[in-house]
Amino acid sequence: LAAQYLLRKKPGVSILNYIREVEFDTLLFFLGVLLLV
């Protein structure tokens, strides 16, 4: 919500895009490991 207001003057920039930069390899690894365990 804060980023929606702070970045309002920067068209095309969405804070949600930064979720894509999360290390999903790490998250998927934990998912697989815990399924195995």
PDB file of all heavy atoms in Angstrom:
ATOM      1  N   LEU A   1       0.828  -1.207   0.000  1.00  0.00           N
ATOM      2  CA  LEU A   1       0.000   0.000   0.000  1.00  0.00           C
ATOM      3  C   LEU A   1       0.864   1.259   0.000  1.00  0.00           C
ATOM      4  O   LEU A   1       0.562   2.231  -0.709  1.00  0.00           O
ATOM      5  CB  LEU A   1      -0.920  -0.003   1.222  1.00  0.00           C
ATOM      6  CG  LEU A   1      -2.028  -1.071   1.223  1.00  0.00           C
ATOM      7  CD1 LEU A   1      -2.768  -1.074   2.551  1.00  0.00           C
ATOM      8  CD2 LEU A   1      -2.998  -0.838   0.062  1.00  0.00           C
ATOM      9  N   ALA A   2       1.936   1.239   0.799  1.00  0.00           N
ATOM     10  CA  ALA A   2       2.832   2.397   0.846  1.00  0.00           C
ATOM     11  C   ALA A   2       3.504   2.614  -0.500  1.00  0.00           C
ATOM     12  O   ALA A   2       3.624   3.751  -0.981  1.00  0.00           O
ATOM     13  CB  ALA A   2       3.882   2.191   1.938  1.00  0.00           C
ATOM     14  N   ALA A   3       3.947   1.517  -1.132  1.00  0.00           N
ATOM     15  CA  ALA A   3       4.619   1.631  -2.433  1.00  0.00           C
ATOM     16  C   ALA A   3       3.657   2.126  -3.502  1.00  0.00           C
ATOM     17  O   ALA A   3       4.067   2.847  -4.425  1.00  0.00           O
ATOM     18  CB  ALA A   3       5.200   0.279  -2.825  1.00  0.00           C
ATOM     19  N   GLN A   4       2.387   1.750  -3.388  1.00  0.00           N
ATOM     20  CA  GLN A   4       1.395   2.218  -4.361  1.00  0.00           C
ATOM     21  C   GLN A   4       1.335   3.744  -4.378  1.00  0.00           C
ATOM     22  O   GLN A   4       1.209   4.371  -5.430  1.00  0.00           O
ATOM     23  CB  GLN A   4       0.024   1.646  -3.994  1.00  0.00           C
ATOM     24  CG  GLN A   4      -1.117   2.045  -4.920  1.00  0.00           C
ATOM     25  CD  GLN A   4      -1.015   1.383  -6.276  1.00  0.00           C
ATOM     26  OE1 GLN A   4      -0.469   0.288  -6.378  1.00  0.00           O
ATOM     27  NE2 GLN A   4      -1.515   2.037  -7.311  1.00  0.00           N
ATOM     28  N   TYR A   5       1.453   4.340  -3.182  1.00  0.00           N
ATOM     29  CA  TYR A   5       1.431   5.804  -3.083  1.00  0.00           C
ATOM     30  C   TYR A   5       2.793   6.401  -3.437  1.00  0.00           C
ATOM     31  O   TYR A   5       2.884   7.374  -4.195  1.00  0.00           O
ATOM     32  CB  TYR A   5       1.038   6.214  -1.664  1.00  0.00           C
ATOM     33  CG  TYR A   5       1.135   7.689  -1.408  1.00  0.00           C
ATOM     34  CD1 TYR A   5       0.155   8.568  -1.876  1.00  0.00           C
ATOM     35  CD2 TYR A   5       2.226   8.226  -0.717  1.00  0.00           C
ATOM     36  CE1 TYR A   5       0.251   9.938  -1.654  1.00  0.00           C
ATOM     37  CE2 TYR A   5       2.331   9.580  -0.483  1.00  0.00           C
ATOM     38  CZ  TYR A   5       1.348  10.434  -0.960  1.00  0.00           C
ATOM     39  OH  TYR A   5       1.451  11.784  -0.740  1.00  0.00           O
ATOM     40  N   LEU A   6       3.859   5.828  -2.928  1.00  0.00           N
ATOM     41  CA  LEU A   6       5.205   6.385  -3.119  1.00  0.00           C
ATOM     42  C   LEU A   6       5.667   6.321  -4.569  1.00  0.00           C
ATOM     43  O   LEU A   6       6.417   7.189  -5.024  1.00  0.00           O
ATOM     44  CB  LEU A   6       6.205   5.644  -2.224  1.00  0.00           C
ATOM     45  CG  LEU A   6       6.001   5.792  -0.708  1.00  0.00           C
ATOM     46  CD1 LEU A   6       6.888   4.817   0.048  1.00  0.00           C
ATOM     47  CD2 LEU A   6       6.302   7.236  -0.279  1.00  0.00           C
ATOM     48  N   LEU A   7       5.230   5.293  -5.285  1.00  0.00           N
ATOM     49  CA  LEU A   7       5.682   5.099  -6.670  1.00  0.00           C
ATOM     50  C   LEU A   7       4.632   5.521  -7.686  1.00  0.00           C
ATOM     51  O   LEU A   7       4.710   5.159  -8.867  1.00  0.00           O
ATOM     52  CB  LEU A   7       6.044   3.618  -6.886  1.00  0.00           C
ATOM     53  CG  LEU A   7       7.110   3.036  -5.948  1.00  0.00           C
ATOM     54  CD1 LEU A   7       7.322   1.557  -6.232  1.00  0.00           C
ATOM     55  CD2 LEU A   7       8.434   3.794  -6.094  1.00  0.00           C
ATOM     56  N   ARG A   8       3.655   6.302  -7.237  1.00  0.00           N
ATOM     57  CA  ARG A   8       2.548   6.682  -8.126  1.00  0.00           C
ATOM     58  C   ARG A   8       3.007   7.534  -9.300  1.00  0.00           C
ATOM     59  O   ARG A   8       2.345   7.557 -10.358  1.00  0.00           O
ATOM     60  CB  ARG A   8       1.477   7.419  -7.327  1.00  0.00           C
ATOM     61  CG  ARG A   8       1.912   8.790  -6.793  1.00  0.00           C
ATOM     62  CD  ARG A   8       0.898   9.363  -5.817  1.00  0.00           C
ATOM     63  NE  ARG A   8       1.242  10.725  -5.390  1.00  0.00           N
ATOM     64  CZ  ARG A   8       2.193  10.990  -4.485  1.00  0.00           C
ATOM     65  NH1 ARG A   8       2.866  10.010  -3.928  1.00  0.00           N
ATOM     66  NH2 ARG A   8       2.451  12.253  -4.160  1.00  0.00           N
ATOM     67  N   LYS A   9       4.134   8.259  -9.145  1.00  0.00           N
ATOM     68  CA  LYS A   9       4.622   9.128 -10.219  1.00  0.00           C
ATOM     69  C   LYS A   9       5.581   8.406 -11.161  1.00  0.00           C
ATOM     70  O   LYS A   9       6.182   9.023 -12.036  1.00  0.00           O
ATOM     71  CB  LYS A   9       5.316  10.351  -9.613  1.00  0.00           C
ATOM     72  CG  LYS A   9       4.378  11.249  -8.814  1.00  0.00           C
ATOM     73  CD  LYS A   9       5.098  12.467  -8.268  1.00  0.00           C
ATOM     74  CE  LYS A   9       4.164  13.368  -7.463  1.00  0.00           C
ATOM     75  NZ  LYS A   9       4.869  14.558  -6.917  1.00  0.00           N
ATOM     76  N   LYS A  10       5.739   7.107 -10.964  1.00  0.00           N
ATOM     77  CA  LYS A  10       6.608   6.317 -11.834  1.00  0.00           C
ATOM     78  C   LYS A  10       5.752   5.309 -12.595  1.00  0.00           C
ATOM     79  O   LYS A  10       5.519   4.193 -12.125  1.00  0.00           O
ATOM     80  CB  LYS A  10       7.681   5.593 -11.007  1.00  0.00           C
ATOM     81  CG  LYS A  10       8.632   6.549 -10.296  1.00  0.00           C
ATOM     82  CD  LYS A  10       9.699   5.786  -9.527  1.00  0.00           C
ATOM     83  CE  LYS A  10      10.662   6.742  -8.841  1.00  0.00           C
ATOM     84  NZ  LYS A  10      11.735   6.016  -8.089  1.00  0.00           N
ATOM     85  N   PRO A  11       5.254   5.696 -13.759  1.00  0.00           N
ATOM     86  CA  PRO A  11       4.369   4.804 -14.524  1.00  0.00           C
ATOM     87  C   PRO A  11       5.093   3.513 -14.926  1.00  0.00           C
ATOM     88  O   PRO A  11       6.267   3.508 -15.265  1.00  0.00           O
ATOM     89  CB  PRO A  11       4.002   5.646 -15.756  1.00  0.00           C
ATOM     90  CG  PRO A  11       5.102   6.661 -15.870  1.00  0.00           C
ATOM     91  CD  PRO A  11       5.531   6.956 -14.471  1.00  0.00           C
ATOM     92  N   GLY A  12       4.357   2.426 -14.874  1.00  0.00           N
ATOM     93  CA  GLY A  12       4.931   1.143 -15.271  1.00  0.00           C
ATOM     94  C   GLY A  12       5.687   0.419 -14.185  1.00  0.00           C
ATOM     95  O   GLY A  12       6.129  -0.716 -14.377  1.00  0.00           O
ATOM     96  N   VAL A  13       5.862   1.072 -13.028  1.00  0.00           N
ATOM     97  CA  VAL A  13       6.584   0.449 -11.919  1.00  0.00           C
ATOM     98  C   VAL A  13       5.574  -0.106 -10.923  1.00  0.00           C
ATOM     99  O   VAL A  13       4.741   0.625 -10.399  1.00  0.00           O
ATOM    100  CB  VAL A  13       7.510   1.466 -11.212  1.00  0.00           C
ATOM    101  CG1 VAL A  13       8.189   0.801 -10.021  1.00  0.00           C
ATOM    102  CG2 VAL A  13       8.535   2.013 -12.188  1.00  0.00           C
ATOM    103  N   SER A  14       5.628  -1.396 -10.684  1.00  0.00           N
ATOM    104  CA  SER A  14       4.716  -2.046  -9.743  1.00  0.00           C
ATOM    105  C   SER A  14       5.526  -2.781  -8.679  1.00  0.00           C
ATOM    106  O   SER A  14       6.449  -3.538  -8.997  1.00  0.00           O
ATOM    107  CB  SER A  14       3.792  -3.032 -10.450  1.00  0.00           C
ATOM    108  OG  SER A  14       3.018  -3.763  -9.512  1.00  0.00           O
ATOM    109  N   ILE A  15       5.169  -2.547  -7.429  1.00  0.00           N
ATOM    110  CA  ILE A  15       5.871  -3.196  -6.330  1.00  0.00           C
ATOM    111  C   ILE A  15       5.688  -4.702  -6.378  1.00  0.00           C
ATOM    112  O   ILE A  15       6.549  -5.473  -5.919  1.00  0.00           O
ATOM    113  CB  ILE A  15       5.371  -2.626  -4.976  1.00  0.00           C
ATOM    114  CG1 ILE A  15       6.282  -3.079  -3.818  1.00  0.00           C
ATOM    115  CG2 ILE A  15       3.942  -3.045  -4.724  1.00  0.00           C
ATOM    116  CD1 ILE A  15       7.652  -2.488  -3.842  1.00  0.00           C
ATOM    117  N   LEU A  16       4.583  -5.170  -6.967  1.00  0.00           N
ATOM    118  CA  LEU A  16       4.329  -6.607  -7.048  1.00  0.00           C
ATOM    119  C   LEU A  16       5.351  -7.323  -7.923  1.00  0.00           C
ATOM    120  O   LEU A  16       5.561  -8.530  -7.778  1.00  0.00           O
ATOM    121  CB  LEU A  16       2.916  -6.859  -7.585  1.00  0.00           C
ATOM    122  CG  LEU A  16       1.764  -6.438  -6.665  1.00  0.00           C
ATOM    123  CD1 LEU A  16       0.432  -6.624  -7.366  1.00  0.00           C
ATOM    124  CD2 LEU A  16       1.783  -7.238  -5.367  1.00  0.00           C
ATOM    125  N   ASN A  17       5.993  -6.570  -8.827  1.00  0.00           N
ATOM    126  CA  ASN A  17       6.991  -7.191  -9.701  1.00  0.00           C
ATOM    127  C   ASN A  17       8.184  -7.736  -8.924  1.00  0.00           C
ATOM    128  O   ASN A  17       8.881  -8.642  -9.398  1.00  0.00           O
ATOM    129  CB  ASN A  17       7.480  -6.181 -10.744  1.00  0.00           C
ATOM    130  CG  ASN A  17       6.407  -5.856 -11.775  1.00  0.00           C
ATOM    131  OD1 ASN A  17       5.504  -6.660 -12.004  1.00  0.00           O
ATOM    132  ND2 ASN A  17       6.498  -4.691 -12.380  1.00  0.00           N
ATOM    133  N   TYR A  18       8.418  -7.169  -7.729  1.00  0.00           N
ATOM    134  CA  TYR A  18       9.590  -7.590  -6.964  1.00  0.00           C
ATOM    135  C   TYR A  18       9.409  -8.961  -6.330  1.00  0.00           C
ATOM    136  O   TYR A  18      10.379  -9.577  -5.873  1.00  0.00           O
ATOM    137  CB  TYR A  18       9.941  -6.539  -5.911  1.00  0.00           C
ATOM    138  CG  TYR A  18      10.452  -5.270  -6.534  1.00  0.00           C
ATOM    139  CD1 TYR A  18       9.608  -4.187  -6.765  1.00  0.00           C
ATOM    140  CD2 TYR A  18      11.774  -5.176  -6.967  1.00  0.00           C
ATOM    141  CE1 TYR A  18      10.068  -3.030  -7.366  1.00  0.00           C
ATOM    142  CE2 TYR A  18      12.242  -4.025  -7.572  1.00  0.00           C
ATOM    143  CZ  TYR A  18      11.381  -2.947  -7.773  1.00  0.00           C
ATOM    144  OH  TYR A  18      11.846  -1.813  -8.395  1.00  0.00           O
ATOM    145  N   ILE A  19       8.159  -9.452  -6.298  1.00  0.00           N
ATOM    146  CA  ILE A  19       7.939 -10.817  -5.833  1.00  0.00           C
ATOM    147  C   ILE A  19       8.643 -11.795  -6.759  1.00  0.00           C
ATOM    148  O   ILE A  19       9.118 -12.853  -6.337  1.00  0.00           O
ATOM    149  CB  ILE A  19       6.430 -11.124  -5.754  1.00  0.00           C
ATOM    150  CG1 ILE A  19       5.761 -10.238  -4.688  1.00  0.00           C
ATOM    151  CG2 ILE A  19       6.186 -12.587  -5.437  1.00  0.00           C
ATOM    152  CD1 ILE A  19       4.283 -10.458  -4.540  1.00  0.00           C
ATOM    153  N   ARG A  20       8.759 -11.421  -8.049  1.00  0.00           N
ATOM    154  CA  ARG A  20       9.416 -12.298  -9.017  1.00  0.00           C
ATOM    155  C   ARG A  20      10.911 -12.440  -8.743  1.00  0.00           C
ATOM    156  O   ARG A  20      11.540 -13.383  -9.217  1.00  0.00           O
ATOM    157  CB  ARG A  20       9.220 -11.747 -10.431  1.00  0.00           C
ATOM    158  CG  ARG A  20       7.748 -11.634 -10.852  1.00  0.00           C
ATOM    159  CD  ARG A  20       7.606 -10.913 -12.165  1.00  0.00           C
ATOM    160  NE  ARG A  20       6.201 -10.693 -12.514  1.00  0.00           N
ATOM    161  CZ  ARG A  20       5.794  -9.928 -13.532  1.00  0.00           C
ATOM    162  NH1 ARG A  20       6.698  -9.321 -14.283  1.00  0.00           N
ATOM    163  NH2 ARG A  20       4.505  -9.785 -13.768  1.00  0.00           N
ATOM    164  N   GLU A  21      11.482 -11.486  -8.004  1.00  0.00           N
ATOM    165  CA  GLU A  21      12.911 -11.540  -7.718  1.00  0.00           C
ATOM    166  C   GLU A  21      13.240 -12.358  -6.474  1.00  0.00           C
ATOM    167  O   GLU A  21      14.404 -12.517  -6.115  1.00  0.00           O
ATOM    168  CB  GLU A  21      13.459 -10.112  -7.552  1.00  0.00           C
ATOM    169  CG  GLU A  21      13.320  -9.274  -8.810  1.00  0.00           C
ATOM    170  CD  GLU A  21      14.001  -7.924  -8.690  1.00  0.00           C
ATOM    171  OE1 GLU A  21      14.897  -7.791  -7.842  1.00  0.00           O
ATOM    172  OE2 GLU A  21      13.619  -7.008  -9.439  1.00  0.00           O
ATOM    173  N   VAL A  22      12.194 -12.871  -5.815  1.00  0.00           N
ATOM    174  CA  VAL A  22      12.417 -13.742  -4.666  1.00  0.00           C
ATOM    175  C   VAL A  22      13.099 -15.020  -5.138  1.00  0.00           C
ATOM    176  O   VAL A  22      12.843 -15.517  -6.234  1.00  0.00           O
ATOM    177  CB  VAL A  22      11.068 -14.078  -3.982  1.00  0.00           C
ATOM    178  CG1 VAL A  22      11.227 -15.189  -2.965  1.00  0.00           C
ATOM    179  CG2 VAL A  22      10.492 -12.833  -3.329  1.00  0.00           C
ATOM    180  N   GLU A  23      13.986 -15.571  -4.290  1.00  0.00           N
ATOM    181  CA  GLU A  23      14.696 -16.808  -4.630  1.00  0.00           C
ATOM    182  C   GLU A  23      13.726 -17.987  -4.533  1.00  0.00           C
ATOM    183  O   GLU A  23      13.702 -18.730  -3.553  1.00  0.00           O
ATOM    184  CB  GLU A  23      15.882 -17.005  -3.676  1.00  0.00           C
ATOM    185  CG  GLU A  23      16.970 -15.967  -3.810  1.00  0.00           C
ATOM    186  CD  GLU A  23      17.847 -16.225  -5.031  1.00  0.00           C
ATOM    187  OE1 GLU A  23      17.774 -17.330  -5.583  1.00  0.00           O
ATOM    188  OE2 GLU A  23      18.583 -15.310  -5.423  1.00  0.00           O
ATOM    189  N   PHE A  24      12.925 -18.180  -5.596  1.00  0.00           N
ATOM    190  CA  PHE A  24      11.942 -19.253  -5.563  1.00  0.00           C
ATOM    191  C   PHE A  24      12.597 -20.629  -5.642  1.00  0.00           C
ATOM    192  O   PHE A  24      11.989 -21.635  -5.263  1.00  0.00           O
ATOM    193  CB  PHE A  24      10.915 -19.082  -6.684  1.00  0.00           C
ATOM    194  CG  PHE A  24       9.830 -18.115  -6.325  1.00  0.00           C
ATOM    195  CD1 PHE A  24       9.875 -16.802  -6.751  1.00  0.00           C
ATOM    196  CD2 PHE A  24       8.765 -18.502  -5.533  1.00  0.00           C
ATOM    197  CE1 PHE A  24       8.886 -15.898  -6.406  1.00  0.00           C
ATOM    198  CE2 PHE A  24       7.770 -17.609  -5.181  1.00  0.00           C
ATOM    199  CZ  PHE A  24       7.826 -16.306  -5.622  1.00  0.00           C
ATOM    200  N   ASP A  25      13.837 -20.691  -6.128  1.00  0.00           N
ATOM    201  CA  ASP A  25      14.576 -21.952  -6.074  1.00  0.00           C
ATOM    202  C   ASP A  25      14.696 -22.429  -4.638  1.00  0.00           C
ATOM    203  O   ASP A  25      14.538 -23.615  -4.333  1.00  0.00           O
ATOM    204  CB  ASP A  25      15.977 -21.781  -6.677  1.00  0.00           C
ATOM    205  CG  ASP A  25      15.961 -21.855  -8.188  1.00  0.00           C
ATOM    206  OD1 ASP A  25      14.857 -22.047  -8.744  1.00  0.00           O
ATOM    207  OD2 ASP A  25      17.018 -21.724  -8.815  1.00  0.00           O
ATOM    208  N   THR A  26      14.983 -21.480  -3.742  1.00  0.00           N
ATOM    209  CA  THR A  26      15.105 -21.811  -2.325  1.00  0.00           C
ATOM    210  C   THR A  26      13.770 -22.287  -1.756  1.00  0.00           C
ATOM    211  O   THR A  26      13.704 -23.296  -1.043  1.00  0.00           O
ATOM    212  CB  THR A  26      15.593 -20.588  -1.530  1.00  0.00           C
ATOM    213  OG1 THR A  26      16.840 -20.144  -2.067  1.00  0.00           O
ATOM    214  CG2 THR A  26      15.768 -20.923  -0.054  1.00  0.00           C
ATOM    215  N   LEU A  27      12.688 -21.585  -2.090  1.00  0.00           N
ATOM    216  CA  LEU A  27      11.374 -21.956  -1.587  1.00  0.00           C
ATOM    217  C   LEU A  27      10.939 -23.322  -2.115  1.00  0.00           C
ATOM    218  O   LEU A  27      10.386 -24.144  -1.372  1.00  0.00           O
ATOM    219  CB  LEU A  27      10.351 -20.886  -1.975  1.00  0.00           C
ATOM    220  CG  LEU A  27      10.539 -19.511  -1.326  1.00  0.00           C
ATOM    221  CD1 LEU A  27       9.510 -18.526  -1.864  1.00  0.00           C
ATOM    222  CD2 LEU A  27      10.436 -19.596   0.180  1.00  0.00           C
ATOM    223  N   LEU A  28      11.197 -23.582  -3.387  1.00  0.00           N
ATOM    224  CA  LEU A  28      10.835 -24.866  -3.968  1.00  0.00           C
ATOM    225  C   LEU A  28      11.670 -26.002  -3.366  1.00  0.00           C
ATOM    226  O   LEU A  28      11.199 -27.124  -3.212  1.00  0.00           O
ATOM    227  CB  LEU A  28      10.999 -24.832  -5.489  1.00  0.00           C
ATOM    228  CG  LEU A  28       9.985 -23.969  -6.246  1.00  0.00           C
ATOM    229  CD1 LEU A  28      10.359 -23.874  -7.720  1.00  0.00           C
ATOM    230  CD2 LEU A  28       8.572 -24.543  -6.100  1.00  0.00           C
ATOM    231  N   PHE A  29      12.921 -25.687  -3.047  1.00  0.00           N
ATOM    232  CA  PHE A  29      13.775 -26.688  -2.415  1.00  0.00           C
ATOM    233  C   PHE A  29      13.209 -27.090  -1.052  1.00  0.00           C
ATOM    234  O   PHE A  29      13.104 -28.280  -0.730  1.00  0.00           O
ATOM    235  CB  PHE A  29      15.191 -26.136  -2.253  1.00  0.00           C
ATOM    236  CG  PHE A  29      16.084 -26.967  -1.368  1.00  0.00           C
ATOM    237  CD1 PHE A  29      16.423 -28.261  -1.726  1.00  0.00           C
ATOM    238  CD2 PHE A  29      16.577 -26.450  -0.177  1.00  0.00           C
ATOM    239  CE1 PHE A  29      17.246 -29.032  -0.899  1.00  0.00           C
ATOM    240  CE2 PHE A  29      17.397 -27.205   0.634  1.00  0.00           C
ATOM    241  CZ  PHE A  29      17.726 -28.506   0.270  1.00  0.00           C
ATOM    242  N   PHE A  30      12.821 -26.097  -0.255  1.00  0.00           N
ATOM    243  CA  PHE A  30      12.237 -26.401   1.046  1.00  0.00           C
ATOM    244  C   PHE A  30      10.936 -27.194   0.891  1.00  0.00           C
ATOM    245  O   PHE A  30      10.672 -28.120   1.662  1.00  0.00           O
ATOM    246  CB  PHE A  30      11.974 -25.117   1.825  1.00  0.00           C
ATOM    247  CG  PHE A  30      13.232 -24.406   2.235  1.00  0.00           C
ATOM    248  CD1 PHE A  30      13.321 -23.031   2.162  1.00  0.00           C
ATOM    249  CD2 PHE A  30      14.331 -25.110   2.677  1.00  0.00           C
ATOM    250  CE1 PHE A  30      14.481 -22.370   2.534  1.00  0.00           C
ATOM    251  CE2 PHE A  30      15.494 -24.466   3.061  1.00  0.00           C
ATOM    252  CZ  PHE A  30      15.565 -23.094   2.983  1.00  0.00           C
ATOM    253  N   LEU A  31      10.141 -26.837  -0.112  1.00  0.00           N
ATOM    254  CA  LEU A  31       8.891 -27.566  -0.363  1.00  0.00           C
ATOM    255  C   LEU A  31       9.182 -29.035  -0.638  1.00  0.00           C
ATOM    256  O   LEU A  31       8.572 -29.931  -0.044  1.00  0.00           O
ATOM    257  CB  LEU A  31       8.157 -26.936  -1.548  1.00  0.00           C
ATOM    258  CG  LEU A  31       6.957 -27.709  -2.114  1.00  0.00           C
ATOM    259  CD1 LEU A  31       5.888 -27.886  -1.042  1.00  0.00           C
ATOM    260  CD2 LEU A  31       6.391 -26.999  -3.331  1.00  0.00           C
ATOM    261  N   GLY A  32      10.130 -29.295  -1.541  1.00  0.00           N
ATOM    262  CA  GLY A  32      10.462 -30.667  -1.886  1.00  0.00           C
ATOM    263  C   GLY A  32      11.041 -31.438  -0.722  1.00  0.00           C
ATOM    264  O   GLY A  32      10.675 -32.601  -0.480  1.00  0.00           O
ATOM    265  N   VAL A  33      11.936 -30.792   0.030  1.00  0.00           N
ATOM    266  CA  VAL A  33      12.572 -31.458   1.170  1.00  0.00           C
ATOM    267  C   VAL A  33      11.535 -31.843   2.223  1.00  0.00           C
ATOM    268  O   VAL A  33      11.543 -32.972   2.758  1.00  0.00           O
ATOM    269  CB  VAL A  33      13.654 -30.553   1.795  1.00  0.00           C
ATOM    270  CG1 VAL A  33      14.042 -31.053   3.178  1.00  0.00           C
ATOM    271  CG2 VAL A  33      14.882 -30.512   0.912  1.00  0.00           C
ATOM    272  N   LEU A  34      10.641 -30.928   2.541  1.00  0.00           N
ATOM    273  CA  LEU A  34       9.651 -31.207   3.574  1.00  0.00           C
ATOM    274  C   LEU A  34       8.636 -32.255   3.119  1.00  0.00           C
ATOM    275  O   LEU A  34       8.102 -33.009   3.941  1.00  0.00           O
ATOM    276  CB  LEU A  34       8.947 -29.915   3.987  1.00  0.00           C
ATOM    277  CG  LEU A  34       9.856 -28.904   4.705  1.00  0.00           C
ATOM    278  CD1 LEU A  34       9.122 -27.605   4.968  1.00  0.00           C
ATOM    279  CD2 LEU A  34      10.391 -29.480   6.009  1.00  0.00           C
ATOM    280  N   LEU A  35       8.375 -32.330   1.817  1.00  0.00           N
ATOM    281  CA  LEU A  35       7.539 -33.415   1.296  1.00  0.00           C
ATOM    282  C   LEU A  35       8.240 -34.762   1.478  1.00  0.00           C
ATOM    283  O   LEU A  35       7.619 -35.767   1.847  1.00  0.00           O
ATOM    284  CB  LEU A  35       7.215 -33.181  -0.183  1.00  0.00           C
ATOM    285  CG  LEU A  35       6.158 -32.120  -0.500  1.00  0.00           C
ATOM    286  CD1 LEU A  35       6.071 -31.888  -2.000  1.00  0.00           C
ATOM    287  CD2 LEU A  35       4.787 -32.538   0.047  1.00  0.00           C
ATOM    288  N   LEU A  36       9.549 -34.788   1.216  1.00  0.00           N
ATOM    289  CA  LEU A  36      10.322 -36.015   1.389  1.00  0.00           C
ATOM    290  C   LEU A  36      10.352 -36.445   2.853  1.00  0.00           C
ATOM    291  O   LEU A  36      10.142 -37.625   3.177  1.00  0.00           O
ATOM    292  CB  LEU A  36      11.759 -35.816   0.885  1.00  0.00           C
ATOM    293  CG  LEU A  36      11.949 -35.747  -0.633  1.00  0.00           C
ATOM    294  CD1 LEU A  36      13.370 -35.301  -0.972  1.00  0.00           C
ATOM    295  CD2 LEU A  36      11.658 -37.095  -1.273  1.00  0.00           C
ATOM    296  N   VAL A  37      10.607 -35.493   3.736  1.00  0.00           N
ATOM    297  CA  VAL A  37      10.661 -35.815   5.158  1.00  0.00           C
ATOM    298  C   VAL A  37       9.282 -36.245   5.660  1.00  0.00           C
ATOM    299  O   VAL A  37       9.158 -37.163   6.486  1.00  0.00           O
ATOM    300  CB  VAL A  37      11.178 -34.612   5.967  1.00  0.00           C
ATOM    301  CG1 VAL A  37      11.089 -34.877   7.460  1.00  0.00           C
ATOM    302  CG2 VAL A  37      12.618 -34.300   5.587  1.00  0.00           C
TER     303      VAL A  37
END
